[in-house]
């Protein structure tokens, strides 16, 4: 799949759908060990995050429904994105991913929780 850069004309709904699509594609890339594809997808996700953050009122909150998604990659990436705007809900989702035991996402969630607790990561 080819994900184009986001632009200022995309609706919030479109950006959320793009975020979801990218996270699902990341999940697939992880399990076929395609690190190059994952890196490209991660860069695309960062553009979507930045665009949501720059929108009036910080529209990253539009990703809140993804915290309940059944896919652990979607939940993990949404939680990481939402740490600055809804830390309680995001942390709960990280704890859920950690407790799922699904690698590598459970390890990633555990690492993020540890970084939050020891202050080595401060959400922005």
N, C-alpha and C. Protein backbone atom coordinates (compact mmCIF):
# COMPACT_ATOMS: atom_id res chain seq x y z
N UNK A 1 0.83 -1.19 0.00
CA UNK A 1 0.00 0.00 0.00
C UNK A 1 0.87 1.25 0.00
N UNK A 2 0.43 2.23 -0.71
CA UNK A 2 1.18 3.47 -0.78
C UNK A 2 0.42 4.55 -0.02
N UNK A 3 1.05 5.08 1.01
CA UNK A 3 0.43 6.12 1.82
C UNK A 3 1.07 7.45 1.47
N UNK A 4 0.26 8.37 1.04
CA UNK A 4 0.76 9.69 0.67
C UNK A 4 0.80 10.58 1.91
N UNK A 5 1.59 11.61 1.81
CA UNK A 5 1.67 12.58 2.89
C UNK A 5 0.31 13.20 3.13
N UNK A 6 0.06 13.49 4.37
CA UNK A 6 -1.19 14.15 4.71
C UNK A 6 -1.13 15.61 4.26
N UNK A 7 -2.26 16.23 4.14
CA UNK A 7 -2.28 17.64 3.80
C UNK A 7 -3.33 18.36 4.64
N UNK A 8 -3.29 19.64 4.58
CA UNK A 8 -4.15 20.48 5.41
C UNK A 8 -5.63 20.36 5.03
N UNK A 9 -5.95 19.77 3.89
CA UNK A 9 -7.34 19.69 3.47
C UNK A 9 -8.02 18.40 3.94
N UNK A 10 -7.25 17.45 4.43
CA UNK A 10 -7.83 16.18 4.89
C UNK A 10 -8.71 16.44 6.12
N UNK A 11 -9.85 15.77 6.17
CA UNK A 11 -10.72 15.90 7.33
C UNK A 11 -10.12 15.11 8.50
N UNK A 12 -10.59 15.40 9.70
CA UNK A 12 -10.16 14.65 10.88
C UNK A 12 -10.52 13.18 10.70
N UNK A 13 -11.70 12.92 10.20
CA UNK A 13 -12.14 11.54 9.97
C UNK A 13 -11.19 10.81 9.01
N UNK A 14 -10.78 11.49 7.96
CA UNK A 14 -9.85 10.91 7.00
C UNK A 14 -8.50 10.61 7.66
N UNK A 15 -8.03 11.53 8.47
CA UNK A 15 -6.75 11.33 9.17
C UNK A 15 -6.83 10.14 10.12
N UNK A 16 -7.94 9.98 10.82
CA UNK A 16 -8.11 8.84 11.72
C UNK A 16 -8.13 7.54 10.91
N UNK A 17 -8.82 7.54 9.79
CA UNK A 17 -8.84 6.34 8.93
C UNK A 17 -7.45 6.02 8.40
N UNK A 18 -6.68 7.05 8.05
CA UNK A 18 -5.31 6.84 7.59
C UNK A 18 -4.46 6.26 8.72
N UNK A 19 -4.61 6.80 9.92
CA UNK A 19 -3.87 6.31 11.08
C UNK A 19 -4.17 4.83 11.28
N UNK A 20 -5.44 4.46 11.25
CA UNK A 20 -5.85 3.08 11.42
C UNK A 20 -5.24 2.19 10.33
N UNK A 21 -5.32 2.62 9.09
CA UNK A 21 -4.77 1.85 7.98
C UNK A 21 -3.26 1.65 8.12
N UNK A 22 -2.57 2.70 8.51
CA UNK A 22 -1.12 2.62 8.69
C UNK A 22 -0.78 1.65 9.83
N UNK A 23 -1.50 1.75 10.94
CA UNK A 23 -1.23 0.86 12.08
C UNK A 23 -1.47 -0.60 11.70
N UNK A 24 -2.52 -0.88 10.96
CA UNK A 24 -2.78 -2.25 10.52
C UNK A 24 -1.70 -2.74 9.56
N UNK A 25 -1.23 -1.86 8.69
CA UNK A 25 -0.15 -2.23 7.78
C UNK A 25 1.16 -2.45 8.56
N UNK A 26 1.37 -1.68 9.62
CA UNK A 26 2.54 -1.90 10.48
C UNK A 26 2.48 -3.29 11.10
N UNK A 27 1.31 -3.66 11.57
CA UNK A 27 1.12 -4.98 12.17
C UNK A 27 1.55 -6.07 11.19
N UNK A 28 1.10 -5.95 9.95
CA UNK A 28 1.47 -6.93 8.93
C UNK A 28 2.97 -6.91 8.67
N UNK A 29 3.56 -5.72 8.58
CA UNK A 29 5.00 -5.60 8.31
C UNK A 29 5.83 -6.22 9.43
N UNK A 30 5.37 -6.08 10.66
CA UNK A 30 6.09 -6.64 11.80
C UNK A 30 6.19 -8.15 11.67
N UNK A 31 5.11 -8.79 11.29
CA UNK A 31 5.07 -10.25 11.29
C UNK A 31 5.68 -10.91 10.07
N UNK A 32 6.01 -10.11 9.05
CA UNK A 32 6.78 -10.66 7.94
C UNK A 32 8.22 -10.13 7.97
N UNK A 33 8.54 -9.45 9.10
CA UNK A 33 9.89 -8.93 9.34
C UNK A 33 10.36 -7.99 8.24
N UNK A 34 9.45 -7.13 7.78
CA UNK A 34 9.79 -6.14 6.76
C UNK A 34 10.06 -4.80 7.44
N UNK A 35 11.28 -4.66 7.94
CA UNK A 35 11.65 -3.46 8.70
C UNK A 35 11.64 -2.20 7.85
N UNK A 36 12.01 -2.33 6.58
CA UNK A 36 12.01 -1.17 5.69
C UNK A 36 10.58 -0.63 5.52
N UNK A 37 9.65 -1.53 5.30
CA UNK A 37 8.25 -1.11 5.15
C UNK A 37 7.73 -0.51 6.46
N UNK A 38 8.07 -1.14 7.58
CA UNK A 38 7.62 -0.62 8.87
C UNK A 38 8.14 0.79 9.08
N UNK A 39 9.40 1.02 8.74
CA UNK A 39 9.99 2.36 8.91
C UNK A 39 9.26 3.40 8.07
N UNK A 40 8.92 3.04 6.83
CA UNK A 40 8.17 3.97 5.97
C UNK A 40 6.79 4.26 6.58
N UNK A 41 6.16 3.20 7.07
CA UNK A 41 4.84 3.37 7.68
C UNK A 41 4.91 4.21 8.95
N UNK A 42 5.95 4.02 9.73
CA UNK A 42 6.11 4.80 10.96
C UNK A 42 6.25 6.29 10.61
N UNK A 43 7.03 6.58 9.58
CA UNK A 43 7.19 7.98 9.16
C UNK A 43 5.85 8.57 8.72
N UNK A 44 5.05 7.77 8.00
CA UNK A 44 3.73 8.24 7.59
C UNK A 44 2.84 8.49 8.81
N UNK A 45 2.90 7.58 9.76
CA UNK A 45 2.10 7.76 10.98
C UNK A 45 2.49 9.04 11.70
N UNK A 46 3.78 9.32 11.74
CA UNK A 46 4.24 10.54 12.42
C UNK A 46 3.68 11.78 11.73
N UNK A 47 3.59 11.75 10.42
CA UNK A 47 3.00 12.88 9.70
C UNK A 47 1.52 13.05 10.07
N UNK A 48 0.82 11.94 10.19
CA UNK A 48 -0.60 12.00 10.58
C UNK A 48 -0.72 12.54 12.00
N UNK A 49 0.11 12.05 12.91
CA UNK A 49 0.09 12.54 14.29
C UNK A 49 0.34 14.05 14.33
N UNK A 50 1.37 14.48 13.59
CA UNK A 50 1.71 15.91 13.58
C UNK A 50 0.56 16.74 13.03
N UNK A 51 -0.08 16.25 11.99
CA UNK A 51 -1.20 16.99 11.39
C UNK A 51 -2.36 17.09 12.39
N UNK A 52 -2.68 16.00 13.06
CA UNK A 52 -3.75 16.04 14.07
C UNK A 52 -3.41 17.00 15.19
N UNK A 53 -2.18 16.97 15.62
CA UNK A 53 -1.74 17.85 16.73
C UNK A 53 -1.84 19.32 16.34
N UNK A 54 -1.51 19.63 15.09
CA UNK A 54 -1.52 21.02 14.63
C UNK A 54 -2.93 21.56 14.40
N UNK A 55 -3.89 20.71 14.24
CA UNK A 55 -5.25 21.18 14.02
C UNK A 55 -5.77 21.88 15.27
N UNK A 56 -6.65 22.82 15.06
CA UNK A 56 -7.19 23.61 16.17
C UNK A 56 -7.72 22.71 17.28
N UNK A 57 -7.25 22.96 18.49
CA UNK A 57 -7.69 22.20 19.65
C UNK A 57 -6.97 20.87 19.83
N UNK A 58 -5.93 20.61 19.05
CA UNK A 58 -5.18 19.35 19.12
C UNK A 58 -6.11 18.17 18.91
N UNK A 59 -6.29 17.81 17.68
CA UNK A 59 -7.27 16.80 17.30
C UNK A 59 -6.81 15.35 17.47
N UNK A 60 -5.69 15.15 18.17
CA UNK A 60 -5.27 13.77 18.45
C UNK A 60 -6.35 13.03 19.23
N UNK A 61 -7.19 13.76 19.95
CA UNK A 61 -8.29 13.13 20.69
C UNK A 61 -9.22 12.31 19.79
N UNK A 62 -9.22 12.62 18.52
CA UNK A 62 -10.06 11.87 17.58
C UNK A 62 -9.64 10.40 17.51
N UNK A 63 -8.45 10.09 17.99
CA UNK A 63 -7.96 8.71 18.00
C UNK A 63 -8.44 7.91 19.21
N UNK A 64 -9.11 8.55 20.16
CA UNK A 64 -9.55 7.86 21.37
C UNK A 64 -10.31 6.55 21.11
N UNK A 65 -11.21 6.48 20.14
CA UNK A 65 -11.90 5.21 19.91
C UNK A 65 -10.95 4.05 19.55
N UNK A 66 -9.78 4.37 19.02
CA UNK A 66 -8.84 3.32 18.63
C UNK A 66 -8.20 2.64 19.85
N UNK A 67 -8.34 3.23 21.02
CA UNK A 67 -7.83 2.58 22.23
C UNK A 67 -8.59 1.29 22.54
N UNK A 68 -9.76 1.14 21.98
CA UNK A 68 -10.56 -0.07 22.20
C UNK A 68 -10.47 -1.04 21.02
N UNK A 69 -9.61 -0.75 20.06
CA UNK A 69 -9.50 -1.60 18.88
C UNK A 69 -8.97 -2.98 19.27
N UNK A 70 -9.38 -4.00 18.56
CA UNK A 70 -8.96 -5.36 18.87
C UNK A 70 -7.52 -5.67 18.43
N UNK A 71 -6.98 -4.89 17.52
CA UNK A 71 -5.62 -5.12 17.05
C UNK A 71 -4.63 -4.45 18.00
N UNK A 72 -3.67 -5.21 18.52
CA UNK A 72 -2.74 -4.68 19.52
C UNK A 72 -1.85 -3.57 18.97
N UNK A 73 -1.51 -3.62 17.69
CA UNK A 73 -0.68 -2.56 17.11
C UNK A 73 -1.45 -1.26 17.03
N UNK A 74 -2.70 -1.34 16.63
CA UNK A 74 -3.55 -0.14 16.57
C UNK A 74 -3.67 0.46 17.97
N UNK A 75 -3.98 -0.39 18.94
CA UNK A 75 -4.14 0.08 20.32
C UNK A 75 -2.85 0.70 20.85
N UNK A 76 -1.72 0.05 20.59
CA UNK A 76 -0.42 0.54 21.05
C UNK A 76 -0.10 1.90 20.45
N UNK A 77 -0.24 2.03 19.15
CA UNK A 77 0.12 3.28 18.49
C UNK A 77 -0.84 4.41 18.88
N UNK A 78 -2.10 4.10 19.02
CA UNK A 78 -3.05 5.13 19.47
C UNK A 78 -2.71 5.56 20.89
N UNK A 79 -2.40 4.61 21.75
CA UNK A 79 -2.05 4.94 23.14
C UNK A 79 -0.81 5.82 23.18
N UNK A 80 0.21 5.47 22.43
CA UNK A 80 1.43 6.28 22.41
C UNK A 80 1.13 7.70 21.93
N UNK A 81 0.26 7.83 20.97
CA UNK A 81 -0.10 9.14 20.42
C UNK A 81 -0.91 9.96 21.42
N UNK A 82 -1.72 9.29 22.22
CA UNK A 82 -2.64 9.98 23.12
C UNK A 82 -2.08 10.27 24.51
N UNK A 83 -0.87 9.85 24.78
CA UNK A 83 -0.31 10.06 26.13
C UNK A 83 -0.32 11.52 26.57
N UNK A 84 -0.13 12.43 25.65
CA UNK A 84 -0.09 13.86 26.01
C UNK A 84 -1.47 14.45 26.20
N UNK A 85 -2.49 13.90 25.56
CA UNK A 85 -3.81 14.52 25.62
C UNK A 85 -4.79 13.80 26.54
N UNK A 86 -4.60 12.52 26.76
CA UNK A 86 -5.45 11.77 27.69
C UNK A 86 -4.59 10.67 28.34
N UNK A 87 -3.70 11.10 29.25
CA UNK A 87 -2.73 10.16 29.81
C UNK A 87 -3.35 8.96 30.53
N UNK A 88 -4.47 9.17 31.20
CA UNK A 88 -5.08 8.08 31.94
C UNK A 88 -5.58 6.99 30.99
N UNK A 89 -6.34 7.37 29.99
CA UNK A 89 -6.87 6.40 29.02
C UNK A 89 -5.75 5.74 28.24
N UNK A 90 -4.76 6.53 27.85
CA UNK A 90 -3.64 5.99 27.07
C UNK A 90 -2.85 4.98 27.90
N UNK A 91 -2.60 5.30 29.15
CA UNK A 91 -1.85 4.36 30.00
C UNK A 91 -2.64 3.07 30.20
N UNK A 92 -3.94 3.18 30.40
CA UNK A 92 -4.77 1.98 30.57
C UNK A 92 -4.66 1.10 29.33
N UNK A 93 -4.68 1.71 28.15
CA UNK A 93 -4.53 0.94 26.91
C UNK A 93 -3.15 0.29 26.83
N UNK A 94 -2.11 1.02 27.24
CA UNK A 94 -0.77 0.43 27.27
C UNK A 94 -0.71 -0.76 28.21
N UNK A 95 -1.35 -0.63 29.36
CA UNK A 95 -1.39 -1.75 30.31
C UNK A 95 -2.12 -2.94 29.71
N UNK A 96 -3.20 -2.68 28.97
CA UNK A 96 -3.94 -3.76 28.30
C UNK A 96 -3.05 -4.48 27.28
N UNK A 97 -2.30 -3.70 26.51
CA UNK A 97 -1.41 -4.29 25.51
C UNK A 97 -0.32 -5.10 26.21
N UNK A 98 0.24 -4.55 27.27
CA UNK A 98 1.27 -5.27 28.03
C UNK A 98 0.72 -6.60 28.54
N UNK A 99 -0.49 -6.57 29.08
CA UNK A 99 -1.09 -7.78 29.64
C UNK A 99 -1.56 -8.77 28.58
N UNK A 100 -1.68 -8.31 27.34
CA UNK A 100 -2.11 -9.22 26.26
C UNK A 100 -1.09 -10.32 26.01
N UNK A 101 0.16 -10.03 26.28
CA UNK A 101 1.21 -11.00 26.04
C UNK A 101 1.56 -11.18 24.58
N UNK A 102 1.02 -10.33 23.69
CA UNK A 102 1.29 -10.46 22.26
C UNK A 102 2.60 -9.74 21.93
N UNK A 103 3.61 -10.53 21.52
CA UNK A 103 4.88 -9.89 21.17
C UNK A 103 4.85 -9.37 19.73
N UNK A 104 5.56 -8.33 19.40
CA UNK A 104 6.42 -7.54 20.26
C UNK A 104 5.70 -6.38 20.95
N UNK A 105 4.40 -6.22 20.66
CA UNK A 105 3.68 -5.06 21.20
C UNK A 105 3.66 -5.04 22.72
N UNK A 106 3.54 -6.21 23.36
CA UNK A 106 3.49 -6.22 24.82
C UNK A 106 4.80 -5.70 25.40
N UNK A 107 5.92 -6.02 24.76
CA UNK A 107 7.21 -5.52 25.22
C UNK A 107 7.33 -4.02 24.97
N UNK A 108 6.82 -3.56 23.84
CA UNK A 108 6.84 -2.12 23.54
C UNK A 108 6.01 -1.34 24.56
N UNK A 109 4.84 -1.87 24.88
CA UNK A 109 3.97 -1.21 25.87
C UNK A 109 4.64 -1.20 27.24
N UNK A 110 5.25 -2.30 27.61
CA UNK A 110 5.94 -2.38 28.89
C UNK A 110 7.08 -1.36 28.96
N UNK A 111 7.83 -1.25 27.87
CA UNK A 111 8.91 -0.27 27.82
C UNK A 111 8.42 1.16 27.94
N UNK A 112 7.29 1.45 27.29
CA UNK A 112 6.74 2.81 27.37
C UNK A 112 6.26 3.11 28.78
N UNK A 113 5.61 2.16 29.42
CA UNK A 113 5.15 2.36 30.80
C UNK A 113 6.34 2.62 31.71
N UNK A 114 7.39 1.84 31.52
CA UNK A 114 8.61 2.02 32.33
C UNK A 114 9.20 3.41 32.10
N UNK A 115 9.26 3.84 30.84
CA UNK A 115 9.81 5.16 30.51
C UNK A 115 8.97 6.28 31.10
N UNK A 116 7.67 6.10 31.11
CA UNK A 116 6.79 7.09 31.74
C UNK A 116 7.04 7.15 33.24
N UNK A 117 7.14 5.97 33.85
CA UNK A 117 7.32 5.90 35.30
C UNK A 117 8.66 6.46 35.76
N UNK A 118 9.72 6.22 34.97
CA UNK A 118 11.04 6.70 35.41
C UNK A 118 11.36 8.10 34.89
N UNK A 119 10.43 8.67 34.11
CA UNK A 119 10.59 10.04 33.63
C UNK A 119 11.49 10.18 32.42
N UNK A 120 11.92 9.08 31.83
CA UNK A 120 12.78 9.17 30.65
C UNK A 120 11.99 9.52 29.39
N UNK A 121 10.65 9.40 29.45
CA UNK A 121 9.80 9.83 28.35
C UNK A 121 8.75 10.77 28.90
N UNK A 122 8.67 11.94 28.30
CA UNK A 122 7.66 12.93 28.69
C UNK A 122 6.82 13.22 27.45
N UNK A 123 5.55 12.87 27.48
CA UNK A 123 4.67 13.08 26.31
C UNK A 123 4.54 14.56 25.94
N UNK A 124 4.49 14.80 24.63
CA UNK A 124 4.31 16.18 24.14
C UNK A 124 3.13 16.23 23.20
